[in-house]
N, C-alpha and C. Protein backbone atom coordinates (compact mmCIF):
# COMPACT_ATOMS: atom_id res chain seq x y z
N MET A 1 -2.38 -27.08 -8.70
CA MET A 1 -3.07 -26.30 -7.14
C MET A 1 -2.54 -24.85 -6.95
N SER A 2 -2.80 -23.42 -6.92
CA SER A 2 -2.50 -22.26 -6.91
C SER A 2 -1.78 -22.30 -5.44
N VAL A 3 -0.82 -21.20 -4.85
CA VAL A 3 -0.35 -21.49 -3.74
C VAL A 3 0.01 -19.27 -3.28
N GLY A 4 -1.32 -19.13 -2.35
CA GLY A 4 -0.85 -18.04 -2.27
C GLY A 4 -1.93 -17.14 -2.89
N TRP A 5 -1.91 -15.71 -2.89
CA TRP A 5 -2.66 -14.74 -3.56
C TRP A 5 -1.84 -14.31 -4.92
N ASN A 6 -2.10 -14.02 -6.05
CA ASN A 6 -1.48 -13.10 -7.02
C ASN A 6 -1.51 -11.55 -6.65
N ARG A 7 -1.01 -10.69 -7.34
CA ARG A 7 -1.23 -9.35 -7.29
C ARG A 7 -2.20 -8.59 -7.62
N GLU A 8 -3.12 -9.23 -8.24
CA GLU A 8 -4.71 -8.54 -8.30
C GLU A 8 -5.39 -8.76 -7.38
N GLN A 9 -5.56 -10.20 -6.50
CA GLN A 9 -5.97 -10.47 -5.31
C GLN A 9 -5.21 -9.93 -4.54
N MET A 10 -4.03 -10.14 -4.34
CA MET A 10 -3.92 -8.96 -2.79
C MET A 10 -4.52 -7.54 -2.70
N ALA A 11 -4.49 -6.95 -4.40
CA ALA A 11 -5.44 -5.61 -3.83
C ALA A 11 -6.63 -5.83 -3.83
N ALA A 12 -7.23 -7.19 -4.11
CA ALA A 12 -8.89 -7.20 -3.83
C ALA A 12 -9.16 -7.35 -2.36
N ARG A 13 -8.01 -7.93 -2.23
CA ARG A 13 -8.18 -8.36 -0.62
C ARG A 13 -8.18 -7.14 0.34
N ALA A 14 -7.05 -6.21 -0.22
CA ALA A 14 -6.77 -5.17 0.33
C ALA A 14 -7.92 -4.29 0.67
N ALA A 15 -8.78 -4.18 -0.60
CA ALA A 15 -9.81 -3.30 -0.79
C ALA A 15 -11.11 -3.47 0.52
N GLN A 16 -10.86 -4.97 0.53
CA GLN A 16 -12.19 -5.42 2.16
C GLN A 16 -11.98 -5.01 2.64
N ASP A 17 -10.58 -4.51 3.16
CA ASP A 17 -10.61 -3.65 4.21
C ASP A 17 -10.38 -2.46 4.48
N ILE A 18 -10.55 -1.63 3.35
CA ILE A 18 -11.03 -0.25 3.30
C ILE A 18 -12.76 0.37 3.76
N PRO A 19 -12.83 1.14 5.06
CA PRO A 19 -14.26 1.56 4.98
C PRO A 19 -15.48 1.97 4.06
N ASP A 20 -16.34 2.09 4.00
CA ASP A 20 -17.09 2.62 2.92
C ASP A 20 -16.83 4.10 3.01
N GLY A 21 -16.61 5.08 1.95
CA GLY A 21 -16.93 6.31 1.94
C GLY A 21 -15.57 6.65 2.53
N ALA A 22 -14.58 6.14 2.64
CA ALA A 22 -12.95 6.94 2.74
C ALA A 22 -12.36 7.65 1.84
N TYR A 23 -11.66 8.30 1.88
CA TYR A 23 -10.64 9.15 1.25
C TYR A 23 -9.31 8.56 1.47
N VAL A 24 -9.05 8.08 -0.05
CA VAL A 24 -7.74 6.45 -0.42
C VAL A 24 -6.63 7.07 -0.84
N ASN A 25 -5.47 7.30 -1.15
CA ASN A 25 -4.19 7.34 -1.37
C ASN A 25 -3.39 5.91 -1.64
N LEU A 26 -3.29 5.79 -3.20
CA LEU A 26 -2.72 4.49 -3.85
C LEU A 26 -1.20 4.68 -4.07
N GLY A 27 -0.31 4.12 -3.78
CA GLY A 27 1.03 3.92 -3.90
C GLY A 27 1.53 3.39 -5.49
N ILE A 28 2.14 3.43 -5.59
CA ILE A 28 3.04 2.85 -6.93
C ILE A 28 3.18 0.92 -6.79
N GLY A 29 2.48 0.57 -7.92
CA GLY A 29 3.19 -0.67 -7.99
C GLY A 29 1.77 -1.22 -7.54
N ILE A 30 2.13 -2.41 -6.92
CA ILE A 30 0.72 -3.31 -6.61
C ILE A 30 -0.65 -2.43 -6.20
N PRO A 31 -0.40 -1.74 -4.86
CA PRO A 31 -1.19 -0.55 -4.21
C PRO A 31 -2.28 0.19 -5.45
N GLU A 32 -1.66 0.20 -7.42
CA GLU A 32 -2.19 0.80 -7.68
C GLU A 32 -3.34 0.12 -8.14
N LEU A 33 -3.56 -1.16 -7.91
CA LEU A 33 -4.37 -1.87 -8.70
C LEU A 33 -5.42 -1.91 -7.47
N VAL A 34 -5.53 -1.31 -6.53
CA VAL A 34 -6.52 -1.25 -5.35
C VAL A 34 -7.81 -0.54 -5.82
N ALA A 35 -7.68 0.11 -7.38
CA ALA A 35 -8.62 1.08 -7.75
C ALA A 35 -9.27 0.50 -8.30
N ARG A 36 -9.01 -1.06 -8.99
CA ARG A 36 -9.59 -1.89 -9.59
C ARG A 36 -10.87 -2.53 -9.26
N PHE A 37 -10.90 -2.49 -7.77
CA PHE A 37 -11.77 -3.04 -7.00
C PHE A 37 -12.65 -2.62 -5.26
N VAL A 38 -13.19 -2.41 -6.21
CA VAL A 38 -14.26 -1.72 -4.98
C VAL A 38 -15.36 -2.69 -4.42
N PRO A 39 -15.40 -2.87 -3.48
CA PRO A 39 -16.35 -4.05 -3.03
C PRO A 39 -17.81 -3.34 -3.11
N GLU A 40 -18.67 -4.34 -3.69
CA GLU A 40 -19.98 -3.80 -4.00
C GLU A 40 -20.95 -3.31 -2.98
N GLY A 41 -21.62 -2.03 -3.02
CA GLY A 41 -22.05 -1.48 -1.90
C GLY A 41 -21.17 -0.23 -0.97
N ARG A 42 -19.74 -0.08 -1.42
CA ARG A 42 -19.20 0.43 -1.10
C ARG A 42 -18.53 1.56 -2.27
N GLU A 43 -18.11 2.99 -1.45
CA GLU A 43 -17.86 4.28 -2.56
C GLU A 43 -16.28 4.18 -1.83
N PHE A 44 -14.96 4.44 -2.62
CA PHE A 44 -14.19 5.07 -1.87
C PHE A 44 -13.34 6.19 -3.03
N ILE A 45 -12.79 7.32 -2.50
CA ILE A 45 -12.69 8.44 -3.08
C ILE A 45 -11.18 8.44 -3.40
N TYR A 46 -10.68 8.43 -4.30
CA TYR A 46 -9.36 8.08 -4.57
C TYR A 46 -8.59 9.54 -4.93
N HIS A 47 -7.54 9.57 -3.73
CA HIS A 47 -6.70 10.88 -4.30
C HIS A 47 -5.35 10.37 -4.84
N THR A 48 -4.64 11.20 -5.48
CA THR A 48 -3.75 11.31 -5.96
C THR A 48 -2.52 12.54 -5.55
N GLU A 49 -1.68 12.45 -5.76
CA GLU A 49 -0.48 13.63 -5.00
C GLU A 49 -0.67 14.81 -6.04
N ASN A 50 -0.60 14.47 -7.11
CA ASN A 50 -0.21 15.28 -8.19
C ASN A 50 -1.66 16.28 -8.44
N GLY A 51 -2.79 15.96 -7.50
CA GLY A 51 -3.75 17.21 -7.99
C GLY A 51 -5.03 16.74 -8.57
N LEU A 52 -5.82 15.11 -7.89
CA LEU A 52 -7.17 14.59 -8.17
C LEU A 52 -7.59 14.06 -7.31
N LEU A 53 -8.89 14.53 -6.92
CA LEU A 53 -9.85 13.63 -5.75
C LEU A 53 -10.44 12.93 -6.45
N GLY A 54 -10.97 11.70 -6.69
CA GLY A 54 -11.95 11.28 -7.77
C GLY A 54 -11.44 10.62 -8.76
N MET A 55 -10.59 10.03 -8.13
CA MET A 55 -9.79 9.17 -9.21
C MET A 55 -10.36 7.59 -9.37
N GLY A 56 -10.42 7.77 -10.53
CA GLY A 56 -11.14 6.32 -11.41
C GLY A 56 -10.21 5.36 -11.83
N PRO A 57 -10.20 3.88 -12.37
CA PRO A 57 -9.64 3.26 -12.73
C PRO A 57 -8.71 2.94 -14.16
N PRO A 58 -7.81 2.58 -14.45
CA PRO A 58 -6.95 2.95 -15.55
C PRO A 58 -7.82 2.43 -16.47
N PRO A 59 -7.81 3.26 -17.39
CA PRO A 59 -8.77 3.50 -18.71
C PRO A 59 -7.83 2.25 -20.10
N ALA A 60 -9.05 2.03 -20.53
CA ALA A 60 -8.32 0.95 -21.89
C ALA A 60 -7.88 2.07 -22.96
N ASP A 61 -6.84 1.40 -23.39
CA ASP A 61 -5.68 2.19 -24.34
C ASP A 61 -6.58 3.12 -25.12
N HIS A 62 -7.50 2.96 -25.95
CA HIS A 62 -8.01 3.60 -26.77
C HIS A 62 -8.87 4.42 -25.98
N GLU A 63 -8.81 4.99 -24.62
CA GLU A 63 -9.75 5.68 -23.93
C GLU A 63 -8.81 6.73 -23.10
N ARG A 64 -7.44 6.64 -23.53
CA ARG A 64 -6.35 7.40 -22.41
C ARG A 64 -6.88 8.85 -22.74
N ASP A 65 -6.64 9.78 -21.99
CA ASP A 65 -7.02 10.59 -21.61
C ASP A 65 -5.49 11.60 -21.32
N LEU A 66 -4.74 11.78 -22.17
CA LEU A 66 -3.13 12.47 -22.29
C LEU A 66 -2.88 13.18 -20.80
N ASP A 67 -3.97 14.28 -20.71
CA ASP A 67 -3.91 14.69 -19.49
C ASP A 67 -4.10 14.40 -17.88
N LEU A 68 -4.77 12.97 -18.22
CA LEU A 68 -4.92 12.39 -16.68
C LEU A 68 -4.05 11.18 -16.36
N MET A 69 -3.45 11.28 -15.69
CA MET A 69 -2.35 10.87 -15.00
C MET A 69 -2.05 11.22 -13.67
N ASN A 70 -2.01 9.54 -12.88
CA ASN A 70 -1.66 9.58 -11.20
C ASN A 70 -0.12 10.54 -10.69
N ALA A 71 0.02 10.29 -9.61
CA ALA A 71 1.52 10.52 -9.19
C ALA A 71 2.48 9.59 -9.91
N GLY A 72 2.36 8.24 -10.41
CA GLY A 72 2.79 7.38 -10.63
C GLY A 72 3.40 7.36 -12.25
N LYS A 73 2.90 8.52 -13.08
CA LYS A 73 2.60 8.87 -14.33
C LYS A 73 1.72 7.12 -15.24
N LYS A 74 1.06 6.95 -14.52
CA LYS A 74 -0.19 5.57 -15.20
C LYS A 74 -0.88 6.83 -15.29
N TYR A 75 -1.78 6.26 -16.68
CA TYR A 75 -3.18 6.92 -16.86
C TYR A 75 -4.19 6.67 -16.02
N VAL A 76 -4.97 7.32 -15.99
CA VAL A 76 -5.96 7.34 -14.76
C VAL A 76 -7.34 7.59 -15.43
N THR A 77 -8.65 7.10 -14.69
CA THR A 77 -9.77 8.27 -15.25
C THR A 77 -10.04 8.85 -14.25
N ALA A 78 -10.87 10.20 -14.17
CA ALA A 78 -11.30 10.57 -13.63
C ALA A 78 -13.46 10.26 -13.44
N VAL A 79 -14.13 10.14 -11.88
CA VAL A 79 -14.97 9.77 -11.64
C VAL A 79 -16.16 11.25 -11.83
N PRO A 80 -17.34 10.98 -11.96
CA PRO A 80 -18.10 12.37 -12.47
C PRO A 80 -17.92 12.58 -10.49
N GLY A 81 -17.85 13.89 -11.00
CA GLY A 81 -17.77 14.91 -9.78
C GLY A 81 -16.20 15.01 -9.59
N ALA A 82 -15.39 14.46 -9.67
CA ALA A 82 -14.20 14.74 -9.70
C ALA A 82 -13.33 16.07 -9.70
N ALA A 83 -12.60 16.23 -9.16
CA ALA A 83 -11.96 17.47 -8.78
C ALA A 83 -10.06 17.70 -8.77
N TYR A 84 -9.82 18.62 -9.49
CA TYR A 84 -8.55 19.35 -9.94
C TYR A 84 -8.03 20.11 -8.58
N PHE A 85 -6.62 20.07 -8.69
CA PHE A 85 -6.56 21.17 -7.71
C PHE A 85 -4.92 21.41 -7.77
N HIS A 86 -4.54 22.19 -6.74
CA HIS A 86 -2.89 23.08 -7.40
C HIS A 86 -1.99 21.50 -5.88
N HIS A 87 -0.87 21.26 -6.71
CA HIS A 87 -0.05 19.92 -6.39
C HIS A 87 -0.03 20.56 -4.64
N ALA A 88 0.05 22.12 -4.21
CA ALA A 88 0.32 22.42 -2.74
C ALA A 88 -1.01 21.78 -2.39
N ASP A 89 -2.41 22.17 -2.98
CA ASP A 89 -3.37 21.84 -1.88
C ASP A 89 -3.29 20.67 -1.79
N SER A 90 -3.18 19.35 -2.32
CA SER A 90 -3.23 17.81 -2.95
C SER A 90 -2.45 17.60 -0.97
N PHE A 91 -0.99 18.52 -1.10
CA PHE A 91 -0.49 17.90 0.05
C PHE A 91 -0.74 18.99 1.27
N SER A 92 -1.79 19.75 1.23
CA SER A 92 -2.30 20.08 2.41
C SER A 92 -3.53 19.06 2.77
N MET A 93 -3.94 18.49 2.17
CA MET A 93 -4.80 17.33 2.28
C MET A 93 -4.48 15.88 3.23
N ILE A 94 -3.47 15.83 2.23
CA ILE A 94 -2.20 14.86 3.07
C ILE A 94 -1.92 15.46 4.59
N ARG A 95 -1.25 16.46 4.78
CA ARG A 95 -0.59 17.00 6.42
C ARG A 95 -1.61 16.78 6.52
N GLY A 96 -2.91 17.76 6.48
CA GLY A 96 -3.93 18.00 7.37
C GLY A 96 -4.64 16.52 7.80
N GLY A 97 -4.30 15.35 7.39
CA GLY A 97 -4.60 14.63 8.21
C GLY A 97 -6.58 14.10 7.13
N HIS A 98 -6.48 14.50 6.40
CA HIS A 98 -7.49 14.71 5.31
C HIS A 98 -7.85 13.31 4.71
N ILE A 99 -6.71 12.53 4.81
CA ILE A 99 -6.74 11.11 3.94
C ILE A 99 -7.21 10.05 5.15
N ASP A 100 -8.07 9.33 4.84
CA ASP A 100 -8.19 8.50 5.73
C ASP A 100 -7.45 6.79 5.71
N VAL A 101 -6.91 6.43 4.19
CA VAL A 101 -6.42 4.98 3.99
C VAL A 101 -5.27 5.45 3.27
N CYS A 102 -4.02 5.34 2.98
CA CYS A 102 -2.72 5.06 2.48
C CYS A 102 -2.23 3.34 2.08
N VAL A 103 -2.31 3.20 0.92
CA VAL A 103 -2.00 1.92 0.66
C VAL A 103 -0.64 1.96 -0.30
N LEU A 104 0.39 1.45 0.64
CA LEU A 104 1.65 1.63 -0.01
C LEU A 104 2.82 0.22 -0.56
N GLY A 105 3.60 0.26 -1.51
CA GLY A 105 4.55 -0.69 -1.43
C GLY A 105 5.55 -0.48 -0.81
N THR A 106 6.69 -1.66 -0.48
CA THR A 106 7.32 -1.46 0.84
C THR A 106 8.67 -2.55 -0.11
N MET A 107 9.96 -2.03 0.76
CA MET A 107 11.07 -2.67 0.66
C MET A 107 10.89 -4.05 2.13
N GLN A 108 10.86 -3.38 3.24
CA GLN A 108 10.97 -3.57 4.40
C GLN A 108 9.76 -2.98 5.31
N VAL A 109 9.00 -3.71 6.16
CA VAL A 109 8.35 -3.66 6.97
C VAL A 109 8.92 -4.37 8.40
N ALA A 110 9.04 -3.57 9.85
CA ALA A 110 9.70 -3.89 10.69
C ALA A 110 8.10 -4.24 11.90
N GLU A 111 8.54 -5.35 12.50
CA GLU A 111 7.61 -5.57 13.69
C GLU A 111 6.88 -4.63 14.46
N ASN A 112 7.66 -3.75 14.89
CA ASN A 112 6.29 -2.16 15.16
C ASN A 112 6.59 -1.09 14.58
N GLY A 113 6.63 -1.60 13.49
CA GLY A 113 5.54 -0.67 12.27
C GLY A 113 6.26 0.32 11.40
N ASP A 114 7.49 0.19 11.85
CA ASP A 114 8.49 0.63 10.79
C ASP A 114 8.34 0.48 9.21
N ILE A 115 8.54 1.72 8.23
CA ILE A 115 8.33 1.50 7.00
C ILE A 115 9.98 2.04 6.13
N ALA A 116 10.07 0.92 5.62
CA ALA A 116 11.45 1.59 4.27
C ALA A 116 11.12 1.10 2.81
N ASN A 117 10.65 2.26 2.26
CA ASN A 117 10.11 1.79 1.02
C ASN A 117 10.37 2.82 -0.26
N TRP A 118 11.80 3.45 0.37
CA TRP A 118 11.97 4.71 -0.67
C TRP A 118 13.20 4.34 -1.42
N SER A 119 14.31 3.63 -0.69
CA SER A 119 15.83 3.96 -0.91
C SER A 119 16.63 2.61 -0.08
N THR A 120 17.24 2.29 -0.94
CA THR A 120 17.99 0.61 -0.12
C THR A 120 19.51 1.44 0.31
N GLY A 121 19.60 2.89 -0.17
CA GLY A 121 20.96 3.55 0.48
C GLY A 121 21.99 3.25 0.23
N ALA A 122 21.76 2.11 -1.24
CA ALA A 122 23.00 2.19 -1.85
C ALA A 122 23.55 3.39 -2.84
N PRO A 123 24.82 3.60 -2.99
CA PRO A 123 24.72 4.18 -4.13
C PRO A 123 24.23 3.88 -5.49
N GLY A 124 23.54 5.20 -6.11
CA GLY A 124 23.19 4.71 -7.46
C GLY A 124 21.40 4.44 -7.28
N ALA A 125 20.79 4.61 -5.82
CA ALA A 125 19.63 4.23 -5.79
C ALA A 125 18.50 5.52 -5.87
N ILE A 126 17.28 5.60 -5.43
CA ILE A 126 16.73 6.10 -6.33
C ILE A 126 16.71 7.40 -5.03
N PRO A 127 16.87 8.58 -5.68
CA PRO A 127 17.41 9.50 -4.98
C PRO A 127 16.44 10.73 -3.92
N ALA A 128 15.18 9.90 -4.48
CA ALA A 128 14.24 11.14 -3.43
C ALA A 128 12.90 10.67 -3.14
N VAL A 129 12.57 10.41 -1.86
CA VAL A 129 11.36 10.09 -1.25
C VAL A 129 10.20 10.18 -1.91
N GLY A 130 9.93 11.40 -2.89
CA GLY A 130 8.97 11.59 -3.34
C GLY A 130 7.63 11.96 -1.85
N GLY A 131 6.55 11.62 -2.17
CA GLY A 131 5.68 12.06 -1.05
C GLY A 131 5.27 10.75 -0.20
N ALA A 132 6.01 9.93 -0.16
CA ALA A 132 5.79 8.77 0.94
C ALA A 132 6.13 9.36 2.32
N MET A 133 6.89 9.94 2.83
CA MET A 133 7.07 10.46 3.83
C MET A 133 6.01 11.25 4.68
N ASP A 134 5.40 12.30 3.75
CA ASP A 134 4.13 12.49 4.02
C ASP A 134 3.17 12.20 4.19
N LEU A 135 3.26 11.14 3.49
CA LEU A 135 1.87 10.39 3.53
C LEU A 135 1.91 9.27 4.49
N VAL A 136 2.92 9.00 4.99
CA VAL A 136 2.94 7.99 6.23
C VAL A 136 2.89 9.22 7.67
N GLN A 137 3.25 9.78 7.63
CA GLN A 137 2.75 10.77 8.65
C GLN A 137 1.66 11.50 8.54
N GLY A 138 0.93 12.26 7.37
CA GLY A 138 -0.30 12.13 7.69
C GLY A 138 -1.51 11.45 7.43
N VAL A 139 -1.61 10.58 6.89
CA VAL A 139 -2.51 9.72 6.75
C VAL A 139 -2.94 9.00 7.76
N LYS A 140 -4.70 8.76 7.93
CA LYS A 140 -4.86 8.30 9.13
C LYS A 140 -4.08 6.75 9.45
N LYS A 141 -4.49 6.33 8.47
CA LYS A 141 -3.98 4.67 8.48
C LYS A 141 -3.14 4.27 7.33
N ILE A 142 -1.78 3.48 7.33
CA ILE A 142 -1.65 2.81 6.58
C ILE A 142 -1.10 1.61 6.40
N PHE A 143 -2.02 0.98 5.37
CA PHE A 143 -1.82 -0.68 4.44
C PHE A 143 -0.75 -0.22 4.00
N VAL A 144 0.09 -1.40 3.69
CA VAL A 144 0.97 -2.32 2.82
C VAL A 144 0.27 -3.33 1.85
N ILE A 145 1.29 -3.44 0.70
CA ILE A 145 0.98 -4.56 -0.25
C ILE A 145 2.45 -4.86 -0.75
N THR A 146 2.55 -6.16 -0.17
CA THR A 146 3.99 -6.92 -0.85
C THR A 146 4.10 -7.92 -0.92
N GLN A 147 4.92 -8.17 -2.06
CA GLN A 147 5.14 -9.61 -1.60
C GLN A 147 6.16 -9.91 -0.64
N HIS A 148 5.72 -11.25 0.02
CA HIS A 148 6.21 -11.66 1.18
C HIS A 148 7.86 -11.64 1.56
N THR A 149 8.43 -12.14 0.42
CA THR A 149 9.94 -12.05 0.39
C THR A 149 10.49 -11.28 -1.36
N THR A 150 11.34 -10.96 -1.19
CA THR A 150 12.48 -9.98 -2.48
C THR A 150 12.37 -11.42 -3.29
N ARG A 151 12.59 -10.82 -4.56
CA ARG A 151 13.01 -12.16 -5.60
C ARG A 151 13.93 -13.24 -5.24
N ASP A 152 15.00 -12.77 -4.28
CA ASP A 152 16.14 -13.26 -3.97
C ASP A 152 15.62 -14.34 -2.51
N GLY A 153 14.38 -14.37 -1.94
CA GLY A 153 13.92 -14.89 -1.01
C GLY A 153 13.91 -14.49 0.13
N ALA A 154 14.72 -12.97 0.39
CA ALA A 154 14.62 -12.66 1.63
C ALA A 154 13.76 -12.16 2.49
N PRO A 155 13.31 -11.90 3.44
CA PRO A 155 11.87 -11.45 4.00
C PRO A 155 12.15 -9.85 3.73
N LYS A 156 10.59 -9.75 3.87
CA LYS A 156 10.38 -8.27 4.07
C LYS A 156 9.58 -7.85 4.88
N LEU A 157 9.26 -8.96 5.93
CA LEU A 157 8.68 -8.42 7.01
C LEU A 157 10.28 -9.02 8.28
N VAL A 158 10.17 -7.94 8.41
CA VAL A 158 11.70 -8.10 9.36
C VAL A 158 11.58 -7.56 10.90
N GLU A 159 12.49 -8.34 12.06
CA GLU A 159 12.46 -7.64 13.23
C GLU A 159 13.14 -5.79 12.84
N ARG A 160 13.91 -5.40 12.65
CA ARG A 160 14.02 -4.07 12.49
C ARG A 160 14.90 -3.61 10.90
N CYS A 161 14.45 -2.92 10.33
CA CYS A 161 14.55 -2.09 9.00
C CYS A 161 15.97 -2.02 8.42
N SER A 162 16.69 -2.26 7.59
CA SER A 162 18.06 -2.03 7.54
C SER A 162 17.91 -1.07 6.53
N TYR A 163 16.91 -0.69 6.03
CA TYR A 163 16.97 0.45 4.64
C TYR A 163 16.91 1.60 5.08
N PRO A 164 16.81 2.78 4.68
CA PRO A 164 16.30 4.28 5.24
C PRO A 164 15.27 4.16 5.21
N LEU A 165 14.43 4.75 6.44
CA LEU A 165 13.36 4.62 7.04
C LEU A 165 12.48 5.43 6.13
N THR A 166 10.96 5.05 5.71
CA THR A 166 10.50 6.20 5.15
C THR A 166 9.30 6.55 6.72
N GLY A 167 9.40 5.87 7.21
CA GLY A 167 7.91 6.53 8.93
C GLY A 167 8.73 5.68 9.88
N PRO A 168 8.63 5.88 11.21
CA PRO A 168 8.67 5.03 12.41
C PRO A 168 7.50 4.50 12.83
N GLY A 169 7.40 3.12 12.97
CA GLY A 169 5.79 3.03 13.57
C GLY A 169 4.48 3.37 13.35
N VAL A 170 4.78 3.19 11.78
CA VAL A 170 3.25 3.57 11.18
C VAL A 170 2.45 2.75 10.56
N VAL A 171 3.14 1.82 10.41
CA VAL A 171 2.27 0.75 9.30
C VAL A 171 1.24 -0.25 10.50
N SER A 172 -0.12 -0.37 9.66
CA SER A 172 -1.33 -0.98 10.82
C SER A 172 -1.24 -2.44 10.20
N ARG A 173 -1.07 -2.74 8.81
CA ARG A 173 -1.72 -4.03 8.31
C ARG A 173 -0.90 -3.97 7.00
N VAL A 174 -0.56 -5.72 6.90
CA VAL A 174 0.38 -5.95 5.35
C VAL A 174 -0.43 -6.80 4.87
N PHE A 175 -0.46 -6.31 3.62
CA PHE A 175 -1.29 -7.50 2.59
C PHE A 175 0.17 -8.50 1.81
N THR A 176 0.36 -9.74 1.87
CA THR A 176 1.18 -10.29 0.95
C THR A 176 0.67 -11.33 0.49
N ASN A 177 1.35 -12.04 -0.57
CA ASN A 177 0.95 -12.99 -1.06
C ASN A 177 0.34 -14.53 -0.29
N LEU A 178 1.06 -14.44 0.78
CA LEU A 178 0.89 -15.36 1.41
C LEU A 178 0.08 -15.29 2.59
N ALA A 179 -0.25 -13.73 2.96
CA ALA A 179 -1.22 -13.84 4.00
C ALA A 179 -1.73 -12.39 4.34
N VAL A 180 -2.37 -11.99 5.43
CA VAL A 180 -2.97 -10.74 5.98
C VAL A 180 -2.28 -10.87 7.21
N VAL A 181 -1.64 -9.67 7.64
CA VAL A 181 -0.70 -9.47 8.89
C VAL A 181 -0.54 -8.24 9.32
N ASP A 182 -1.24 -8.22 10.89
CA ASP A 182 -1.25 -7.12 11.82
C ASP A 182 0.03 -6.84 12.09
N VAL A 183 -0.05 -5.13 12.24
CA VAL A 183 1.57 -5.06 13.22
C VAL A 183 0.88 -4.41 14.78
N THR A 184 1.08 -5.27 15.82
CA THR A 184 0.40 -5.20 17.03
C THR A 184 1.69 -4.81 18.08
N PRO A 185 1.32 -4.36 18.70
CA PRO A 185 2.21 -3.87 20.26
C PRO A 185 3.23 -5.35 20.78
N GLY A 186 2.43 -6.34 20.54
CA GLY A 186 3.27 -7.68 20.44
C GLY A 186 4.43 -7.84 19.23
N GLY A 187 3.92 -7.63 18.08
CA GLY A 187 5.18 -7.37 16.85
C GLY A 187 4.05 -8.34 15.84
N PHE A 188 4.45 -8.98 14.78
CA PHE A 188 3.49 -9.29 13.81
C PHE A 188 2.46 -10.37 14.08
N GLN A 189 1.04 -10.53 13.65
CA GLN A 189 0.12 -11.59 14.05
C GLN A 189 -0.29 -11.75 12.57
N VAL A 190 -0.62 -12.77 12.51
CA VAL A 190 -1.20 -13.33 10.92
C VAL A 190 -2.85 -13.13 11.34
N VAL A 191 -3.63 -12.37 10.41
CA VAL A 191 -4.73 -12.25 10.66
C VAL A 191 -5.82 -13.02 9.70
N GLU A 192 -5.24 -13.88 8.60
CA GLU A 192 -5.22 -14.70 7.31
C GLU A 192 -4.75 -14.73 6.80
N LEU A 193 -4.86 -16.33 6.66
CA LEU A 193 -3.93 -16.86 5.43
C LEU A 193 -4.43 -17.16 4.03
N ALA A 194 -3.49 -16.63 3.57
CA ALA A 194 -3.68 -16.83 1.76
C ALA A 194 -4.21 -18.52 1.23
N PRO A 195 -4.71 -18.86 0.36
CA PRO A 195 -5.48 -20.38 0.09
C PRO A 195 -3.80 -20.86 0.22
N ASN A 196 -3.86 -22.22 0.26
CA ASN A 196 -3.37 -23.16 0.46
C ASN A 196 -1.89 -22.74 1.06
N VAL A 197 -1.78 -21.99 1.91
CA VAL A 197 -0.55 -21.06 2.65
C VAL A 197 -0.34 -21.56 3.65
N THR A 198 -0.10 -22.41 4.21
CA THR A 198 -0.02 -22.69 6.12
C THR A 198 1.01 -21.26 7.26
N PHE A 199 0.64 -21.83 8.23
CA PHE A 199 1.17 -20.75 9.37
C PHE A 199 2.64 -20.87 9.03
N GLU A 200 2.97 -22.24 9.15
CA GLU A 200 4.51 -22.35 8.76
C GLU A 200 5.22 -22.16 7.83
N ASP A 201 4.35 -21.85 6.58
CA ASP A 201 5.24 -21.35 5.49
C ASP A 201 5.28 -19.45 5.70
N VAL A 202 4.58 -19.01 6.59
CA VAL A 202 4.72 -17.70 7.12
C VAL A 202 5.56 -17.59 7.69
N GLU A 203 6.03 -18.56 8.83
CA GLU A 203 6.70 -17.89 9.76
C GLU A 203 8.27 -18.49 9.09
N GLN A 204 8.35 -19.41 8.02
CA GLN A 204 9.80 -19.71 7.36
C GLN A 204 10.32 -18.46 6.59
N HIS A 205 9.14 -17.78 6.12
CA HIS A 205 9.48 -16.69 5.13
C HIS A 205 9.25 -15.04 5.90
N THR A 206 9.52 -15.36 7.04
CA THR A 206 9.29 -13.94 8.08
C THR A 206 10.27 -13.54 8.86
N GLY A 207 10.79 -12.60 8.72
CA GLY A 207 12.62 -11.98 9.53
C GLY A 207 12.40 -11.76 10.64
N ALA A 208 11.10 -12.23 11.46
CA ALA A 208 10.88 -11.31 12.52
C ALA A 208 9.83 -12.68 13.48
N THR A 209 10.16 -12.98 14.91
CA THR A 209 8.80 -13.54 15.00
C THR A 209 7.22 -12.77 14.94
N ILE A 210 6.42 -14.19 14.48
CA ILE A 210 4.84 -13.73 14.11
C ILE A 210 4.05 -14.59 14.73
N LEU A 211 2.97 -14.01 15.00
CA LEU A 211 2.05 -15.14 15.88
C LEU A 211 1.03 -15.74 14.65
N PRO A 212 0.76 -16.89 15.31
CA PRO A 212 -0.37 -17.73 14.55
C PRO A 212 -2.27 -16.41 14.86
N PRO A 213 -2.93 -16.81 13.65
CA PRO A 213 -4.09 -15.98 13.70
C PRO A 213 -4.71 -16.15 15.16
N ALA A 214 -5.37 -15.51 15.73
CA ALA A 214 -6.39 -15.87 16.99
C ALA A 214 -7.18 -16.20 17.02
C-alpha cells in the first residue's frame, strides 16, 4: 500500500489548482514537473525567466532542441504561438505583476507564509538567489511543492524559518507528499490529505501548529 503522493502526483495535484488561462512560472526541481500536467479543458501559458513565454513539456531525448532550455538549464519545448524575448523583458513581466502563479520548491515555509528556498546560510552554500526574490514579490500567487520533511526527517513547515528568507509572507498554498496545506491568518491548515495519510501523520511531521481539514 502506497502512502502519500510521489513527485509526479504532487505536481499533478498542484496543476489542479491553477486556473485556466493563467500565466505560470515554474521553479527548479519538482515544480518543473507541473508542465506535464494540464487538466483537461484548461490552458496554462508557461513563462521562464530566461526569455520564453509558451514553454511546453520536456522533449524526448531524440527531439531535443539545443537552443531551448528553461532557467534551470533543462531542455523544454515551445508550444505554437510561443514568444522569445530579452532576459530583461522577462523580468519586467515578473516585476510588473503580469505572472499569475509561480510554483516553487523550498527548504522551509513558515506558518506566516515566509519562504526560504535559496540558501542554508552555511559556508559554501549556494551563492546567489537567482530570480526567486523577484518571483515571490512580483507574481500574484505563490504555490510551493516540497517533501514534507528533509531527508533527515526535519520538518520543512515550521513556525519560523531559520534559513535566509527569499520573501516574507508570500506563500499561499503548499503541496507536499503528505497533504495540501494552506497558509492562513491562523497558521497552517490542511486542505486535503494524501492517500493513506492521517492528520496525525501530518501533525507529527510539521514543525508548527497545524489545523485539520475544515
